[in-house]
Amino acid sequence: MTPPASQASDTLPSVRALGVDGVLVSFGQSLTEAANRAALAFRAAVETESLPGVMETSTSLTSVYLRLDLGQTDHARTRHALEDLLRSRDWYQASLPQGRKLWRIPAVFGTDLAPQLDEAASLAGLSPDDAVAALCAVPLRVQTIGFAPGQPYLGELPPDWDIPRQTGLTARVPEGALAVAIRQMVLFSVSTPTGWRHIGQTALRLFRPDQPDPFVLRPGDEVLFQPVTRAAFEAIRESDPQGGAVAERLG
C-alpha cells in the first residue's frame, strides 16, 4: 500500500500509541481525498473485525483513533493486529463504508442571515451567484465530525475555494450556519464564535441530545445543499422540524 504522491512518506500509514489507552492510525500529514477515504474505510474495517479490547473508535480528517480496554488487550497485541489489517489492502483506494446517506439540505445564501457571502465569493474570484452555484453543484463528503457535537466538516471544495479563515472572529453565528474556508464548509451544530465566513443558513438541527442517536450526520455521508429564497427558508423553519432535510441511502 503506497500513499498518494502528495502524502508519500516512509512513515505512512503509521500506528502509534496515544496516551495510556489510545492508538492512532494515521494516513496523511495533511488533508487529501485519499487520506480521508482511507481513514473512513479503515475505521469501518476495524469495527467489522471486532478486535479484542477495542472499546471505541473515531476518525479525524486523516486518522483513526482507537480506545483500548487494557484489561483485555495491550498496545503490542493491538498494534500487530492493526498492522496486519493495514497490509491487507490499499486503503487509499478502498471503497467508502456501507450505510452512508446522501442528505439534501435547503439553505438560504446571503441576505442578512448569512452576511459574508459576497466577501467569500470575492476571495474565490466568483460572483455571489456563481459562488452559490458552485457550492451547490455536487455533494460534499462529511470528512469528519468535530469541534462541537455533531458538527461536520464538508469537502473538498474546488481550488478556487482555498480561501483563508478570517484573521479575527465573528462574535457569533447561529445554529445551522453554513461557513466556508480552506476548501471546506462547516455546518454549525451550535451557536458559537467563529473565524469561518458565514455564507449560508439552514434550519437543520444537527445535535439532538434528547434522541437515542443524537448526531444527524456521520463521517462518510454526503451533503448536497439546495439554495432557497429567504421566504422559502422562513417557511421551512416555521413548519418543518427536520429543516427541510431529506436523506437517501448510498449503499
Protein backbone atom coordinates (compact mmCIF):
# COMPACT_ATOMS: atom_id res chain seq x y z
CA MET A 1 0.00 0.00 0.00
CA THR A 2 1.52 3.29 -1.13
CA PRO A 3 0.24 6.72 -0.13
CA PRO A 4 -0.53 9.20 -2.95
CA ALA A 5 2.44 11.28 -4.11
CA SER A 6 1.27 14.26 -2.08
CA GLN A 7 1.36 12.07 1.04
CA ALA A 8 4.42 9.94 0.22
CA SER A 9 6.38 9.12 3.35
CA ASP A 10 8.23 6.18 4.82
CA THR A 11 6.04 6.54 7.91
CA LEU A 12 2.57 6.43 6.32
CA PRO A 13 0.31 4.84 7.19
CA SER A 14 1.57 4.83 10.77
CA VAL A 15 0.44 3.23 14.04
CA ARG A 16 1.42 4.75 17.35
CA ALA A 17 0.33 4.86 20.95
CA LEU A 18 -1.64 7.88 22.08
CA GLY A 19 -1.79 8.34 25.81
CA VAL A 20 -2.27 5.44 28.19
CA ASP A 21 -5.07 3.60 26.40
CA GLY A 22 -5.20 5.07 22.90
CA VAL A 23 -3.85 4.11 19.47
CA LEU A 24 -3.71 6.42 16.45
CA VAL A 25 -3.55 5.13 12.87
CA SER A 26 -2.57 7.99 10.53
CA PHE A 27 -2.94 8.06 6.75
CA GLY A 28 -1.80 11.59 5.96
CA GLN A 29 0.06 14.58 7.28
CA SER A 30 -2.42 16.90 5.56
CA LEU A 31 -5.94 16.52 4.22
CA THR A 32 -6.44 14.81 0.86
CA GLU A 33 -9.39 12.90 -0.53
CA ALA A 34 -7.37 9.68 -0.48
CA ALA A 35 -6.22 10.08 3.13
CA ASN A 36 -9.76 10.85 4.28
CA ARG A 37 -11.12 7.89 2.31
CA ALA A 38 -8.51 5.63 3.89
CA ALA A 39 -9.38 6.77 7.40
CA LEU A 40 -13.10 6.22 6.89
CA ALA A 41 -12.64 2.81 5.28
CA PHE A 42 -10.11 1.61 7.84
CA ARG A 43 -12.30 2.56 10.80
CA ALA A 44 -15.19 0.61 9.29
CA ALA A 45 -12.92 -2.41 8.84
CA VAL A 46 -11.66 -2.19 12.43
CA GLU A 47 -15.23 -2.22 13.69
CA THR A 48 -16.11 -5.17 11.42
CA GLU A 49 -13.08 -7.12 12.68
CA SER A 50 -14.19 -6.62 16.31
CA LEU A 51 -10.61 -6.58 17.55
CA PRO A 52 -10.31 -7.73 21.20
CA GLY A 53 -10.18 -4.88 23.68
CA VAL A 54 -11.15 -2.10 21.27
CA MET A 55 -13.80 -0.16 23.17
CA GLU A 56 -14.29 2.84 20.90
CA THR A 57 -13.21 4.19 17.51
CA SER A 58 -13.44 7.57 15.83
CA THR A 59 -11.99 9.34 12.80
CA SER A 60 -10.40 12.72 12.25
CA LEU A 61 -9.76 14.11 8.76
CA THR A 62 -6.89 11.68 8.07
CA SER A 63 -6.60 9.29 11.01
CA VAL A 64 -8.40 6.69 13.13
CA TYR A 65 -8.36 6.70 16.93
CA LEU A 66 -8.93 3.55 18.99
CA ARG A 67 -9.52 3.48 22.74
CA LEU A 68 -8.46 0.23 24.38
CA ASP A 69 -9.55 -1.77 27.39
CA LEU A 70 -6.12 -2.68 28.73
CA GLY A 71 -7.65 -5.45 30.80
CA GLN A 72 -8.42 -7.29 27.55
CA THR A 73 -5.54 -6.31 25.29
CA ASP A 74 -2.30 -4.34 25.23
CA HIS A 75 -0.62 -1.95 22.82
CA ALA A 76 1.71 -4.54 21.30
CA ARG A 77 -1.09 -7.01 20.51
CA THR A 78 -3.33 -4.29 19.08
CA ARG A 79 -0.51 -2.81 17.01
CA HIS A 80 0.23 -6.22 15.49
CA ALA A 81 -3.44 -6.72 14.56
CA LEU A 82 -3.69 -3.23 13.07
CA GLU A 83 -0.53 -3.64 11.01
CA ASP A 84 -1.87 -6.94 9.62
CA LEU A 85 -5.10 -5.16 8.66
CA LEU A 86 -3.18 -2.28 7.06
CA ARG A 87 -1.28 -4.74 4.85
CA SER A 88 -4.49 -6.43 3.67
CA ARG A 89 -5.41 -3.83 1.01
CA ASP A 90 -4.70 -0.40 -0.42
CA TRP A 91 -6.69 1.78 1.96
CA TYR A 92 -6.10 4.92 -0.11
CA GLN A 93 -8.25 3.41 -2.86
CA ALA A 94 -10.66 1.48 -0.65
CA SER A 95 -14.41 1.69 -1.04
CA LEU A 96 -16.16 4.02 1.35
CA PRO A 97 -18.14 2.33 4.15
CA GLN A 98 -21.59 0.89 3.61
CA GLY A 99 -24.63 2.54 5.18
CA ARG A 100 -23.77 6.08 4.14
CA LYS A 101 -26.50 8.59 3.30
CA LEU A 102 -26.93 11.43 0.85
CA TRP A 103 -28.56 14.42 2.55
CA ARG A 104 -30.32 17.18 0.59
CA ILE A 105 -30.43 20.28 2.77
CA PRO A 106 -32.14 23.59 1.87
CA ALA A 107 -30.10 26.70 2.59
CA VAL A 108 -30.55 30.41 2.04
CA PHE A 109 -27.35 32.09 0.86
CA GLY A 110 -26.51 35.70 1.59
CA THR A 111 -29.15 38.12 2.91
CA ASP A 112 -28.82 39.40 6.46
CA LEU A 113 -29.00 35.78 7.64
CA ALA A 114 -25.60 34.93 6.08
CA PRO A 115 -23.87 38.26 5.54
CA GLN A 116 -20.41 37.16 4.35
CA LEU A 117 -21.35 35.54 1.04
CA ASP A 118 -20.14 38.46 -1.10
CA GLU A 119 -16.80 38.62 0.75
CA ALA A 120 -16.16 34.88 0.45
CA ALA A 121 -17.19 34.84 -3.22
CA SER A 122 -14.81 37.72 -3.99
CA LEU A 123 -11.93 35.87 -2.32
CA ALA A 124 -12.74 32.85 -4.51
CA GLY A 125 -12.80 35.06 -7.63
CA LEU A 126 -16.51 34.46 -8.24
CA SER A 127 -19.70 36.46 -8.34
CA PRO A 128 -22.13 35.69 -5.49
CA ASP A 129 -24.48 33.85 -7.89
CA ASP A 130 -21.65 31.79 -9.36
CA ALA A 131 -20.36 31.05 -5.87
CA VAL A 132 -23.72 29.65 -4.77
CA ALA A 133 -23.99 27.60 -7.96
CA ALA A 134 -20.52 26.14 -7.38
CA LEU A 135 -21.14 25.32 -3.73
CA CYS A 136 -24.41 23.56 -4.56
CA ALA A 137 -23.23 21.78 -7.73
CA VAL A 138 -22.14 18.46 -6.21
CA PRO A 139 -22.47 16.59 -2.91
CA LEU A 140 -19.79 17.18 -0.31
CA ARG A 141 -18.46 14.41 1.89
CA VAL A 142 -18.70 14.60 5.66
CA GLN A 143 -14.96 14.29 6.20
CA THR A 144 -15.16 14.28 9.97
CA ILE A 145 -17.30 15.35 12.92
CA GLY A 146 -15.62 17.71 15.34
CA PHE A 147 -15.27 20.94 17.31
CA ALA A 148 -18.85 20.71 18.59
CA PRO A 149 -21.29 17.79 19.00
CA GLY A 150 -22.47 16.52 15.62
CA GLN A 151 -20.71 19.25 13.63
CA PRO A 152 -19.50 18.21 10.16
CA TYR A 153 -16.53 19.38 8.14
CA LEU A 154 -17.50 19.05 4.48
CA GLY A 155 -15.35 18.90 1.37
CA GLU A 156 -13.32 19.02 -0.57
CA LEU A 157 -14.22 22.18 -2.50
CA PRO A 158 -12.54 23.16 -5.80
CA PRO A 159 -9.19 25.02 -5.65
CA ASP A 160 -10.92 28.41 -6.07
CA TRP A 161 -12.17 27.94 -2.51
CA ASP A 162 -8.74 27.66 -0.92
CA ILE A 163 -9.53 30.90 0.88
CA PRO A 164 -8.15 31.67 4.33
CA ARG A 165 -10.08 31.95 7.54
CA GLN A 166 -10.63 35.44 8.89
CA THR A 167 -7.86 36.96 10.98
CA GLY A 168 -10.49 37.97 13.57
CA LEU A 169 -13.60 36.31 14.96
CA THR A 170 -17.24 36.78 14.13
CA ALA A 171 -18.81 37.25 17.56
CA ARG A 172 -21.42 34.55 16.98
CA VAL A 173 -23.10 32.57 14.23
CA PRO A 174 -26.39 30.77 14.87
CA GLU A 175 -27.06 27.05 14.92
CA GLY A 176 -27.44 25.86 11.33
CA ALA A 177 -24.98 28.42 9.94
CA LEU A 178 -23.03 27.38 6.85
CA ALA A 179 -19.48 28.73 6.63
CA VAL A 180 -16.54 28.36 4.27
CA ALA A 181 -12.70 28.45 4.31
CA ILE A 182 -9.65 26.42 3.18
CA ARG A 183 -11.64 24.31 0.65
CA GLN A 184 -14.10 23.14 3.30
CA MET A 185 -17.54 24.03 4.51
CA VAL A 186 -18.72 23.77 8.10
CA LEU A 187 -22.35 23.35 9.09
CA PHE A 188 -22.58 24.59 12.66
CA SER A 189 -24.41 22.42 15.18
CA VAL A 190 -24.35 25.09 17.89
CA SER A 191 -24.29 28.85 18.11
CA THR A 192 -20.66 29.91 18.50
CA PRO A 193 -17.97 32.48 17.69
CA THR A 194 -16.04 31.57 14.53
CA GLY A 195 -13.30 32.61 12.15
CA TRP A 196 -15.07 30.94 9.21
CA ARG A 197 -17.05 33.20 6.84
CA HIS A 198 -20.82 32.85 7.26
CA ILE A 199 -22.28 32.46 3.76
CA GLY A 200 -25.46 30.40 4.20
CA GLN A 201 -28.09 29.45 6.73
CA THR A 202 -30.01 26.22 7.21
CA ALA A 203 -32.84 25.27 9.54
CA LEU A 204 -31.37 21.84 10.31
CA ARG A 205 -30.74 20.88 13.93
CA LEU A 206 -27.69 18.63 13.80
CA PHE A 207 -27.32 17.82 17.50
CA ARG A 208 -30.34 16.28 19.22
CA PRO A 209 -29.30 15.26 22.75
CA ASP A 210 -32.85 14.14 23.56
CA GLN A 211 -32.72 11.41 20.89
CA PRO A 212 -31.19 7.90 21.19
CA ASP A 213 -28.95 8.76 18.22
CA PRO A 214 -28.09 12.43 18.84
CA PHE A 215 -25.98 13.12 15.70
CA VAL A 216 -27.79 13.55 12.37
CA LEU A 217 -24.74 13.28 10.08
CA ARG A 218 -22.00 10.65 10.09
CA PRO A 219 -18.47 10.65 8.65
CA GLY A 220 -18.71 9.43 5.06
CA ASP A 221 -22.22 10.80 4.49
CA GLU A 222 -22.65 13.26 1.64
CA VAL A 223 -24.47 16.59 1.71
CA LEU A 224 -25.98 18.44 -1.24
CA PHE A 225 -27.10 21.97 -0.42
CA GLN A 226 -30.16 23.25 -2.26
CA PRO A 227 -30.48 27.06 -2.50
CA VAL A 228 -33.85 28.50 -1.50
CA THR A 229 -35.25 32.00 -1.19
CA ARG A 230 -35.47 33.84 2.10
CA ALA A 231 -39.26 33.36 2.08
CA ALA A 232 -38.95 29.62 1.43
CA PHE A 233 -36.37 29.31 4.19
CA GLU A 234 -38.62 31.06 6.70
CA ALA A 235 -41.48 28.73 5.77
CA ILE A 236 -39.25 25.70 6.27
CA ARG A 237 -38.02 26.99 9.61
CA GLU A 238 -41.57 27.55 10.82
CA SER A 239 -43.13 24.31 9.62
CA ASP A 240 -40.52 21.54 9.36
CA PRO A 241 -38.66 20.26 12.45
CA GLN A 242 -36.23 18.50 10.08
CA GLY A 243 -35.24 21.80 8.48
CA GLY A 244 -36.36 20.51 5.08
CA ALA A 245 -33.57 17.93 5.04
CA VAL A 246 -34.21 14.58 3.32
CA ALA A 247 -31.88 11.59 3.11
CA GLU A 248 -31.41 8.56 0.89
CA ARG A 249 -29.07 5.63 1.34
CA LEU A 250 -25.97 5.50 -0.84
CA GLY A 251 -25.41 1.77 -0.47
